[in-house]
Amino acid sequence: GNVNVYVRVVSPEKLIGLEKGDNYFVVGNERMQFSGVKEVLYENQDLDVAVYVDGVPGDFVEGQYSIYVYAGGREIGSTQLLLK
């Protein structure tokens, strides 16, 4: 069925994409802010998904970024990215 995929992008300084308004989701009992979200149709098979994150000027600076992906109320993936 339809599932929301949430992405949190954390720069060396802050969570990216917060200027978009009421952008919260729940993982367990924790309310968290997201950087981007996309609704997908999940049919119990691997699925390629692209979630776009809008930053404001100055958001993307040099340094290490942490990226977390959530669906179904839990973390389903994470990675690190170095911008130079």
N, C-alpha and C. Protein backbone atom coordinates (compact mmCIF):
# COMPACT_ATOMS: atom_id res chain seq x y z
N GLY A 1 0.81 -1.19 0.00
CA GLY A 1 0.00 0.00 0.00
C GLY A 1 0.85 1.25 0.00
N ASN A 2 0.22 2.37 0.15
CA ASN A 2 0.93 3.65 0.17
C ASN A 2 1.69 3.82 1.48
N VAL A 3 2.96 4.21 1.35
CA VAL A 3 3.85 4.40 2.50
C VAL A 3 4.60 5.71 2.30
N ASN A 4 4.74 6.49 3.37
CA ASN A 4 5.57 7.68 3.33
C ASN A 4 7.01 7.30 3.66
N VAL A 5 7.94 7.76 2.83
CA VAL A 5 9.37 7.59 3.06
C VAL A 5 9.90 8.96 3.48
N TYR A 6 10.48 9.01 4.68
CA TYR A 6 10.99 10.26 5.24
C TYR A 6 12.51 10.25 5.21
N VAL A 7 13.10 11.42 4.93
CA VAL A 7 14.55 11.56 4.91
C VAL A 7 14.94 12.71 5.83
N ARG A 8 15.95 12.46 6.65
CA ARG A 8 16.55 13.50 7.50
C ARG A 8 17.98 13.69 7.02
N VAL A 9 18.33 14.93 6.66
CA VAL A 9 19.68 15.27 6.25
C VAL A 9 20.24 16.22 7.30
N VAL A 10 21.30 15.77 7.97
CA VAL A 10 21.90 16.56 9.04
C VAL A 10 23.28 17.01 8.58
N SER A 11 23.45 18.33 8.46
CA SER A 11 24.73 18.91 8.05
C SER A 11 25.64 18.99 9.27
N PRO A 12 26.87 19.48 9.09
CA PRO A 12 27.74 19.67 10.26
C PRO A 12 27.14 20.65 11.27
N GLU A 13 26.18 21.46 10.84
CA GLU A 13 25.64 22.49 11.72
C GLU A 13 24.20 22.28 12.16
N LYS A 14 23.35 21.63 11.30
CA LYS A 14 21.92 21.56 11.62
C LYS A 14 21.19 20.58 10.72
N LEU A 15 19.93 20.35 11.04
CA LEU A 15 19.04 19.56 10.19
C LEU A 15 18.63 20.42 9.01
N ILE A 16 18.73 19.89 7.79
CA ILE A 16 18.44 20.64 6.56
C ILE A 16 16.96 20.57 6.22
N GLY A 17 16.42 21.66 5.67
CA GLY A 17 15.08 21.67 5.11
C GLY A 17 13.98 22.01 6.10
N LEU A 18 14.30 22.61 7.22
CA LEU A 18 13.29 22.86 8.25
C LEU A 18 12.39 24.05 7.96
N GLU A 19 12.73 24.86 6.98
CA GLU A 19 11.98 26.07 6.72
C GLU A 19 10.67 25.80 5.98
N LYS A 20 10.34 24.55 5.72
CA LYS A 20 9.16 24.20 4.94
C LYS A 20 7.86 24.17 5.76
N GLY A 21 7.92 24.37 7.04
CA GLY A 21 6.69 24.39 7.84
C GLY A 21 6.58 23.20 8.76
N ASP A 22 5.37 22.65 8.88
CA ASP A 22 5.08 21.56 9.81
C ASP A 22 5.55 20.24 9.23
N ASN A 23 6.80 19.90 9.45
CA ASN A 23 7.37 18.69 8.86
C ASN A 23 7.82 17.72 9.94
N TYR A 24 6.85 17.06 10.55
CA TYR A 24 7.11 16.09 11.61
C TYR A 24 6.56 14.72 11.25
N PHE A 25 7.21 13.68 11.77
CA PHE A 25 6.71 12.32 11.68
C PHE A 25 7.06 11.62 12.98
N VAL A 26 6.54 10.42 13.18
CA VAL A 26 6.73 9.72 14.45
C VAL A 26 7.46 8.40 14.22
N VAL A 27 8.49 8.17 15.04
CA VAL A 27 9.21 6.90 15.07
C VAL A 27 9.12 6.39 16.49
N GLY A 28 8.41 5.28 16.68
CA GLY A 28 8.16 4.79 18.04
C GLY A 28 7.34 5.82 18.78
N ASN A 29 7.87 6.33 19.88
CA ASN A 29 7.20 7.38 20.64
C ASN A 29 7.84 8.75 20.42
N GLU A 30 8.79 8.83 19.48
CA GLU A 30 9.53 10.06 19.27
C GLU A 30 9.01 10.82 18.05
N ARG A 31 8.75 12.10 18.25
CA ARG A 31 8.33 12.99 17.16
C ARG A 31 9.58 13.62 16.58
N MET A 32 9.78 13.47 15.26
CA MET A 32 11.01 13.93 14.62
C MET A 32 10.67 14.82 13.44
N GLN A 33 11.59 15.74 13.12
CA GLN A 33 11.44 16.58 11.94
C GLN A 33 12.12 15.89 10.76
N PHE A 34 11.56 16.09 9.56
CA PHE A 34 12.16 15.52 8.37
C PHE A 34 12.59 16.61 7.41
N SER A 35 13.54 16.25 6.54
CA SER A 35 14.04 17.17 5.52
C SER A 35 13.27 17.02 4.21
N GLY A 36 12.77 15.82 3.96
CA GLY A 36 12.01 15.54 2.75
C GLY A 36 11.14 14.32 2.94
N VAL A 37 10.07 14.21 2.16
CA VAL A 37 9.17 13.07 2.25
C VAL A 37 8.63 12.75 0.86
N LYS A 38 8.35 11.47 0.62
CA LYS A 38 7.72 11.05 -0.62
C LYS A 38 6.80 9.88 -0.33
N GLU A 39 5.59 9.94 -0.86
CA GLU A 39 4.65 8.83 -0.73
C GLU A 39 4.89 7.87 -1.89
N VAL A 40 5.04 6.58 -1.56
CA VAL A 40 5.29 5.56 -2.58
C VAL A 40 4.29 4.43 -2.43
N LEU A 41 4.08 3.69 -3.50
CA LEU A 41 3.25 2.50 -3.47
C LEU A 41 4.18 1.31 -3.26
N TYR A 42 4.12 0.72 -2.08
CA TYR A 42 4.99 -0.41 -1.73
C TYR A 42 4.22 -1.70 -1.87
N GLU A 43 4.80 -2.64 -2.65
CA GLU A 43 4.15 -3.92 -2.90
C GLU A 43 5.03 -5.10 -2.50
N ASN A 44 5.72 -4.97 -1.35
CA ASN A 44 6.57 -6.02 -0.80
C ASN A 44 7.69 -6.44 -1.74
N GLN A 45 8.22 -5.50 -2.51
CA GLN A 45 9.36 -5.74 -3.38
C GLN A 45 10.30 -4.56 -3.27
N ASP A 46 11.60 -4.79 -3.59
CA ASP A 46 12.56 -3.69 -3.60
C ASP A 46 12.05 -2.58 -4.50
N LEU A 47 12.32 -1.35 -4.10
CA LEU A 47 11.78 -0.19 -4.80
C LEU A 47 12.80 0.93 -4.78
N ASP A 48 13.13 1.47 -5.95
CA ASP A 48 13.99 2.65 -6.02
C ASP A 48 13.15 3.88 -5.77
N VAL A 49 13.62 4.73 -4.85
CA VAL A 49 12.87 5.94 -4.47
C VAL A 49 13.82 7.12 -4.44
N ALA A 50 13.41 8.24 -5.01
CA ALA A 50 14.17 9.49 -4.93
C ALA A 50 13.36 10.48 -4.11
N VAL A 51 13.96 11.01 -3.06
CA VAL A 51 13.32 12.02 -2.22
C VAL A 51 14.16 13.28 -2.33
N TYR A 52 13.54 14.36 -2.80
CA TYR A 52 14.25 15.62 -2.98
C TYR A 52 14.17 16.44 -1.71
N VAL A 53 15.30 17.04 -1.35
CA VAL A 53 15.40 17.87 -0.14
C VAL A 53 15.73 19.29 -0.58
N ASP A 54 14.85 20.21 -0.25
CA ASP A 54 15.08 21.62 -0.57
C ASP A 54 15.76 22.29 0.60
N GLY A 55 16.91 22.86 0.34
CA GLY A 55 17.59 23.66 1.35
C GLY A 55 17.40 25.13 1.00
N VAL A 56 17.71 25.97 1.92
CA VAL A 56 17.69 27.41 1.65
C VAL A 56 19.13 27.85 1.39
N PRO A 57 19.35 29.00 0.73
CA PRO A 57 20.73 29.42 0.50
C PRO A 57 21.54 29.41 1.79
N GLY A 58 22.70 28.81 1.72
CA GLY A 58 23.57 28.71 2.89
C GLY A 58 23.45 27.41 3.66
N ASP A 59 22.42 26.59 3.37
CA ASP A 59 22.25 25.32 4.08
C ASP A 59 23.38 24.33 3.79
N PHE A 60 23.78 24.24 2.53
CA PHE A 60 24.73 23.22 2.15
C PHE A 60 26.15 23.79 2.19
N VAL A 61 26.88 23.41 3.23
CA VAL A 61 28.25 23.88 3.46
C VAL A 61 29.19 22.67 3.40
N GLU A 62 30.48 22.94 3.32
CA GLU A 62 31.46 21.85 3.35
C GLU A 62 31.36 21.08 4.66
N GLY A 63 31.61 19.79 4.57
CA GLY A 63 31.64 18.99 5.79
C GLY A 63 30.93 17.66 5.65
N GLN A 64 30.84 16.95 6.75
CA GLN A 64 30.24 15.62 6.82
C GLN A 64 28.74 15.73 7.06
N TYR A 65 27.95 15.06 6.25
CA TYR A 65 26.49 15.03 6.38
C TYR A 65 26.06 13.62 6.75
N SER A 66 25.08 13.52 7.60
CA SER A 66 24.46 12.24 7.95
C SER A 66 23.07 12.23 7.33
N ILE A 67 22.73 11.12 6.67
CA ILE A 67 21.44 11.00 6.00
C ILE A 67 20.76 9.76 6.55
N TYR A 68 19.51 9.94 7.00
CA TYR A 68 18.73 8.85 7.60
C TYR A 68 17.43 8.71 6.83
N VAL A 69 17.00 7.46 6.60
CA VAL A 69 15.78 7.17 5.86
C VAL A 69 14.85 6.36 6.76
N TYR A 70 13.57 6.76 6.79
CA TYR A 70 12.56 6.12 7.63
C TYR A 70 11.33 5.75 6.82
N ALA A 71 10.72 4.63 7.16
CA ALA A 71 9.43 4.22 6.59
C ALA A 71 8.79 3.24 7.57
N GLY A 72 7.48 3.25 7.60
CA GLY A 72 6.79 2.32 8.48
C GLY A 72 7.08 2.52 9.94
N GLY A 73 7.44 3.73 10.34
CA GLY A 73 7.69 4.02 11.74
C GLY A 73 9.04 3.56 12.27
N ARG A 74 10.00 3.29 11.34
CA ARG A 74 11.32 2.87 11.79
C ARG A 74 12.39 3.31 10.80
N GLU A 75 13.64 3.34 11.26
CA GLU A 75 14.76 3.67 10.38
C GLU A 75 15.04 2.49 9.47
N ILE A 76 15.12 2.75 8.16
CA ILE A 76 15.38 1.66 7.21
C ILE A 76 16.73 1.80 6.52
N GLY A 77 17.44 2.91 6.78
CA GLY A 77 18.75 3.07 6.18
C GLY A 77 19.42 4.35 6.63
N SER A 78 20.73 4.40 6.45
CA SER A 78 21.49 5.60 6.76
C SER A 78 22.81 5.56 6.01
N THR A 79 23.40 6.74 5.84
CA THR A 79 24.70 6.84 5.20
C THR A 79 25.35 8.15 5.59
N GLN A 80 26.61 8.30 5.21
CA GLN A 80 27.36 9.54 5.43
C GLN A 80 27.77 10.07 4.07
N LEU A 81 27.89 11.40 3.97
CA LEU A 81 28.27 12.07 2.73
C LEU A 81 29.21 13.21 3.07
N LEU A 82 30.32 13.32 2.35
CA LEU A 82 31.28 14.40 2.58
C LEU A 82 31.20 15.38 1.42
N LEU A 83 30.83 16.64 1.71
CA LEU A 83 30.83 17.69 0.69
C LEU A 83 32.10 18.49 0.83
N LYS A 84 32.76 18.74 -0.29
CA LYS A 84 34.00 19.52 -0.29
C LYS A 84 33.78 20.83 -1.01
